[in-house]
Amino acid sequence: MACVAVTWARPESTYTDKWDNINVDEILESNRLLKGYVDCLLGKGRCTPDGKALKETLPDALEHECVKCTGKQKSGADKVIRHLVNKRPDLWKELAVKYDPDNIYQARCKDKIDAVKGSA
């Protein structure tokens, strides 16, 4: 999932900041929480309200390079990408197959993804 991971939508100039204060570290450190979000995104499990919002927003955020993301969402997305690329490449691959099957977004963000490799 290239340039985004943690974003939620509303039909305005930016995505809602309602969830900007979610503790991304807590989710990434908990296999149970992380698996819940990934399963939601992959359509393999139930979605929490924020997981559902993320699932609905992610395609738009990827397509438009997160232009509607708040600063906190961009920061959270960077953290999620770094974690998945370095510590959970299995989940990164599954999400990429679902949300970027033609490698469009990863190719567009190749330099950014390469830059986070090895920097957990």
C-alpha atoms as a PDB file:
ATOM      1  CA  MET A   1       0.000   0.000   0.000  1.00  0.00           C
ATOM      2  CA  ALA A   2       2.142   2.672  -1.144  1.00  0.00           C
ATOM      3  CA  CYS A   3       1.841   6.258  -0.040  1.00  0.00           C
ATOM      4  CA  VAL A   4      -0.928   5.801   2.587  1.00  0.00           C
ATOM      5  CA  ALA A   5      -2.296   3.497   5.202  1.00  0.00           C
ATOM      6  CA  VAL A   6      -4.071   5.447   7.880  1.00  0.00           C
ATOM      7  CA  THR A   7      -6.742   7.741   6.393  1.00  0.00           C
ATOM      8  CA  TRP A   8     -10.486   8.203   6.711  1.00  0.00           C
ATOM      9  CA  ALA A   9     -12.894   9.957   4.363  1.00  0.00           C
ATOM     10  CA  ARG A  10     -15.433  12.702   4.104  1.00  0.00           C
ATOM     11  CA  PRO A  11     -16.374  14.422   0.845  1.00  0.00           C
ATOM     12  CA  GLU A  12     -14.480  17.655   1.549  1.00  0.00           C
ATOM     13  CA  SER A  13     -11.003  19.040   0.913  1.00  0.00           C
ATOM     14  CA  THR A  14      -9.390  16.744   3.485  1.00  0.00           C
ATOM     15  CA  TYR A  15     -10.322  13.457   5.056  1.00  0.00           C
ATOM     16  CA  THR A  16     -11.908  13.752   8.464  1.00  0.00           C
ATOM     17  CA  ASP A  17      -9.502  14.264  11.327  1.00  0.00           C
ATOM     18  CA  LYS A  18     -11.859  12.365  13.658  1.00  0.00           C
ATOM     19  CA  TRP A  19      -9.349   9.538  14.030  1.00  0.00           C
ATOM     20  CA  ASP A  20      -6.107  11.542  13.874  1.00  0.00           C
ATOM     21  CA  ASN A  21      -5.353  10.695  17.502  1.00  0.00           C
ATOM     22  CA  ILE A  22      -5.568   6.925  17.133  1.00  0.00           C
ATOM     23  CA  ASN A  23      -2.504   5.327  18.681  1.00  0.00           C
ATOM     24  CA  VAL A  24      -0.915   3.822  15.563  1.00  0.00           C
ATOM     25  CA  ASP A  25       1.966   2.400  17.619  1.00  0.00           C
ATOM     26  CA  GLU A  26      -0.475   0.434  19.772  1.00  0.00           C
ATOM     27  CA  ILE A  27      -2.049  -1.103  16.661  1.00  0.00           C
ATOM     28  CA  LEU A  28       1.302  -1.958  15.087  1.00  0.00           C
ATOM     29  CA  GLU A  29       2.618  -3.516  18.306  1.00  0.00           C
ATOM     30  CA  SER A  30      -0.447  -5.729  18.762  1.00  0.00           C
ATOM     31  CA  ASN A  31      -0.684  -8.700  16.413  1.00  0.00           C
ATOM     32  CA  ARG A  32      -4.372  -8.988  17.273  1.00  0.00           C
ATOM     33  CA  LEU A  33      -5.201  -5.364  16.439  1.00  0.00           C
ATOM     34  CA  LEU A  34      -3.018  -5.273  13.334  1.00  0.00           C
ATOM     35  CA  LYS A  35      -4.501  -8.532  12.058  1.00  0.00           C
ATOM     36  CA  GLY A  36      -7.993  -7.148  12.657  1.00  0.00           C
ATOM     37  CA  TYR A  37      -7.305  -4.104  10.496  1.00  0.00           C
ATOM     38  CA  VAL A  38      -5.579  -6.126   7.774  1.00  0.00           C
ATOM     39  CA  ASP A  39      -8.359  -8.728   7.724  1.00  0.00           C
ATOM     40  CA  CYS A  40     -10.895  -5.906   7.423  1.00  0.00           C
ATOM     41  CA  LEU A  41      -8.990  -4.319   4.540  1.00  0.00           C
ATOM     42  CA  LEU A  42      -8.678  -7.673   2.787  1.00  0.00           C
ATOM     43  CA  GLY A  43     -12.354  -8.526   3.262  1.00  0.00           C
ATOM     44  CA  LYS A  44     -11.434 -11.503   5.450  1.00  0.00           C
ATOM     45  CA  GLY A  45     -12.961 -10.274   8.682  1.00  0.00           C
ATOM     46  CA  ARG A  46     -15.306  -7.869  10.376  1.00  0.00           C
ATOM     47  CA  CYS A  47     -14.493  -4.182  10.340  1.00  0.00           C
ATOM     48  CA  THR A  48     -14.635  -1.754  13.219  1.00  0.00           C
ATOM     49  CA  PRO A  49     -16.173   1.612  12.273  1.00  0.00           C
ATOM     50  CA  ASP A  50     -12.712   3.145  11.791  1.00  0.00           C
ATOM     51  CA  GLY A  51     -11.531   0.068   9.862  1.00  0.00           C
ATOM     52  CA  LYS A  52     -14.547   0.381   7.581  1.00  0.00           C
ATOM     53  CA  ALA A  53     -13.815   4.068   6.999  1.00  0.00           C
ATOM     54  CA  LEU A  54     -10.182   3.232   6.206  1.00  0.00           C
ATOM     55  CA  LYS A  55     -11.275   0.516   3.790  1.00  0.00           C
ATOM     56  CA  GLU A  56     -13.595   2.957   2.011  1.00  0.00           C
ATOM     57  CA  THR A  57     -10.975   5.719   1.852  1.00  0.00           C
ATOM     58  CA  LEU A  58      -7.833   3.782   0.988  1.00  0.00           C
ATOM     59  CA  PRO A  59      -8.434   3.426  -2.772  1.00  0.00           C
ATOM     60  CA  ASP A  60      -9.007   7.183  -3.162  1.00  0.00           C
ATOM     61  CA  ALA A  61      -6.007   8.035  -0.997  1.00  0.00           C
ATOM     62  CA  LEU A  62      -3.780   5.718  -3.027  1.00  0.00           C
ATOM     63  CA  GLU A  63      -5.025   7.006  -6.358  1.00  0.00           C
ATOM     64  CA  HIS A  64      -4.577  10.652  -5.401  1.00  0.00           C
ATOM     65  CA  GLU A  65      -1.336  10.283  -3.431  1.00  0.00           C
ATOM     66  CA  CYS A  66      -2.947  11.175  -0.121  1.00  0.00           C
ATOM     67  CA  VAL A  67      -3.591  14.787  -1.100  1.00  0.00           C
ATOM     68  CA  LYS A  68      -6.628  14.899   1.208  1.00  0.00           C
ATOM     69  CA  CYS A  69      -4.708  13.417   4.147  1.00  0.00           C
ATOM     70  CA  THR A  70      -4.077  15.526   7.219  1.00  0.00           C
ATOM     71  CA  GLY A  71      -0.513  15.862   8.460  1.00  0.00           C
ATOM     72  CA  LYS A  72      -1.152  13.297  11.206  1.00  0.00           C
ATOM     73  CA  GLN A  73      -2.583  10.865   8.657  1.00  0.00           C
ATOM     74  CA  LYS A  74       0.486  11.234   6.448  1.00  0.00           C
ATOM     75  CA  SER A  75       2.745  10.694   9.449  1.00  0.00           C
ATOM     76  CA  GLY A  76       0.717   7.648  10.517  1.00  0.00           C
ATOM     77  CA  ALA A  77       0.793   6.280   6.985  1.00  0.00           C
ATOM     78  CA  ASP A  78       4.575   6.591   6.892  1.00  0.00           C
ATOM     79  CA  LYS A  79       4.820   4.741  10.206  1.00  0.00           C
ATOM     80  CA  VAL A  80       2.516   1.954   8.995  1.00  0.00           C
ATOM     81  CA  ILE A  81       4.398   1.580   5.708  1.00  0.00           C
ATOM     82  CA  ARG A  82       7.759   1.435   7.521  1.00  0.00           C
ATOM     83  CA  HIS A  83       6.419  -1.205   9.926  1.00  0.00           C
ATOM     84  CA  LEU A  84       4.815  -3.389   7.271  1.00  0.00           C
ATOM     85  CA  VAL A  85       7.737  -3.201   4.830  1.00  0.00           C
ATOM     86  CA  ASN A  86      10.314  -4.046   7.504  1.00  0.00           C
ATOM     87  CA  LYS A  87       8.508  -6.209  10.036  1.00  0.00           C
ATOM     88  CA  ARG A  88       5.482  -7.671   8.280  1.00  0.00           C
ATOM     89  CA  PRO A  89       6.332  -8.030   4.578  1.00  0.00           C
ATOM     90  CA  ASP A  90       3.792 -10.862   4.411  1.00  0.00           C
ATOM     91  CA  LEU A  91       0.979  -8.439   5.246  1.00  0.00           C
ATOM     92  CA  TRP A  92       2.453  -5.749   2.982  1.00  0.00           C
ATOM     93  CA  LYS A  93       2.374  -8.208   0.083  1.00  0.00           C
ATOM     94  CA  GLU A  94      -1.228  -9.264   0.766  1.00  0.00           C
ATOM     95  CA  LEU A  95      -2.380  -5.656   0.931  1.00  0.00           C
ATOM     96  CA  ALA A  96      -0.430  -4.783  -2.213  1.00  0.00           C
ATOM     97  CA  VAL A  97      -2.048  -7.648  -4.130  1.00  0.00           C
ATOM     98  CA  LYS A  98      -5.491  -6.356  -3.122  1.00  0.00           C
ATOM     99  CA  TYR A  99      -4.972  -2.599  -3.450  1.00  0.00           C
ATOM    100  CA  ASP A 100      -2.173  -2.363  -6.025  1.00  0.00           C
ATOM    101  CA  PRO A 101      -2.338  -5.499  -8.208  1.00  0.00           C
ATOM    102  CA  ASP A 102      -0.750  -3.705 -11.174  1.00  0.00           C
ATOM    103  CA  ASN A 103       2.021  -2.182  -9.031  1.00  0.00           C
ATOM    104  CA  ILE A 104       0.974   1.331 -10.028  1.00  0.00           C
ATOM    105  CA  TYR A 105       1.132   2.946  -6.595  1.00  0.00           C
ATOM    106  CA  GLN A 106       4.231   1.109  -5.417  1.00  0.00           C
ATOM    107  CA  ALA A 107       6.046   2.093  -8.603  1.00  0.00           C
ATOM    108  CA  ARG A 108       4.985   5.714  -8.093  1.00  0.00           C
ATOM    109  CA  CYS A 109       6.326   5.640  -4.526  1.00  0.00           C
ATOM    110  CA  LYS A 110       9.289   3.335  -5.108  1.00  0.00           C
ATOM    111  CA  ASP A 111      11.871   5.815  -3.780  1.00  0.00           C
ATOM    112  CA  LYS A 112       9.853   6.403  -0.609  1.00  0.00           C
ATOM    113  CA  ILE A 113       9.329   2.672  -0.015  1.00  0.00           C
ATOM    114  CA  ASP A 114      13.010   1.918  -0.674  1.00  0.00           C
ATOM    115  CA  ALA A 115      13.967   4.687   1.746  1.00  0.00           C
ATOM    116  CA  VAL A 116      12.056   3.084   4.642  1.00  0.00           C
ATOM    117  CA  LYS A 117      13.447  -0.408   4.083  1.00  0.00           C
ATOM    118  CA  GLY A 118      15.672  -1.265   6.990  1.00  0.00           C
ATOM    119  CA  SER A 119      14.497   1.702   9.061  1.00  0.00           C
ATOM    120  CA  ALA A 120      12.093   0.191  11.538  1.00  0.00           C
END
